[in-house]
Amino acid sequence: MSTVFEPEVLQAVARSVLDLPTADKVEAIRKKLAERYPGHIRSRVDWVFNNAGGAMGQMCVLHASITEYVIVFGSPIGTEGYSGRFSAEDWFIILEGEQWAYAEGDLERNVYRAGDMHRLPRGQARGYRMPDKCFALEYARGFIPQMLPFGFADTFTSTLDFVPLVRTMAIYTKAVVGELVRGKI
């Protein structure tokens, strides 16, 4: 599998901007990642609604390829839902706010705060809640196209708002093609 990013590097970048206001934080992350990973980070921050697993938030895609994605995901008002269960591994690095999570069998919640990294191993799932404003830098590594049906299912079963789906597919497709042209899958 062709990968570029390392979770520890992403966490260090996230931790370096925690004191900034939200919009400045996201732009600073984008710029720092563009310096660290030249040619692999999108030049714009485009926010798109995202409804998946019953949770509603918004995301901006910083990188997308067949084997990885890096996004900022969150909500200014909180949300909760199901993580999904994938063959990809996922890291959720809290930029502000809190994420509460639990796995099957957990009788107490796990709490992740600014700077913390919540790892979701391949084949596992979690229930999660962002009880108030919360944003995170999210990194997934694996066969990303397998994750897309989960990311789009709520469009067909709940929201019936196809604008975010079309915008997400346009951003993802353009990013993937750009990476393929560079020789990265």
Foldseek 3Di string as FASTA:
>chain_A
DFDDDDPVVLLVLLLVQLVDPDVVSVVSSLVVVCVVPPLFFDPDFDWFWWAFQQWIWIKGWGGAAQFKTKIKIWHQFKTWGKADAAQKKKKWAWSAAWKWKDFVPDPDIDIHGHSDIDIDHHGGMITMIRRHTTMTIMMIGGRVVVCVCRRCVCCVVPVVDCVRVVVVCVVNVVRHVSCVVVVGD
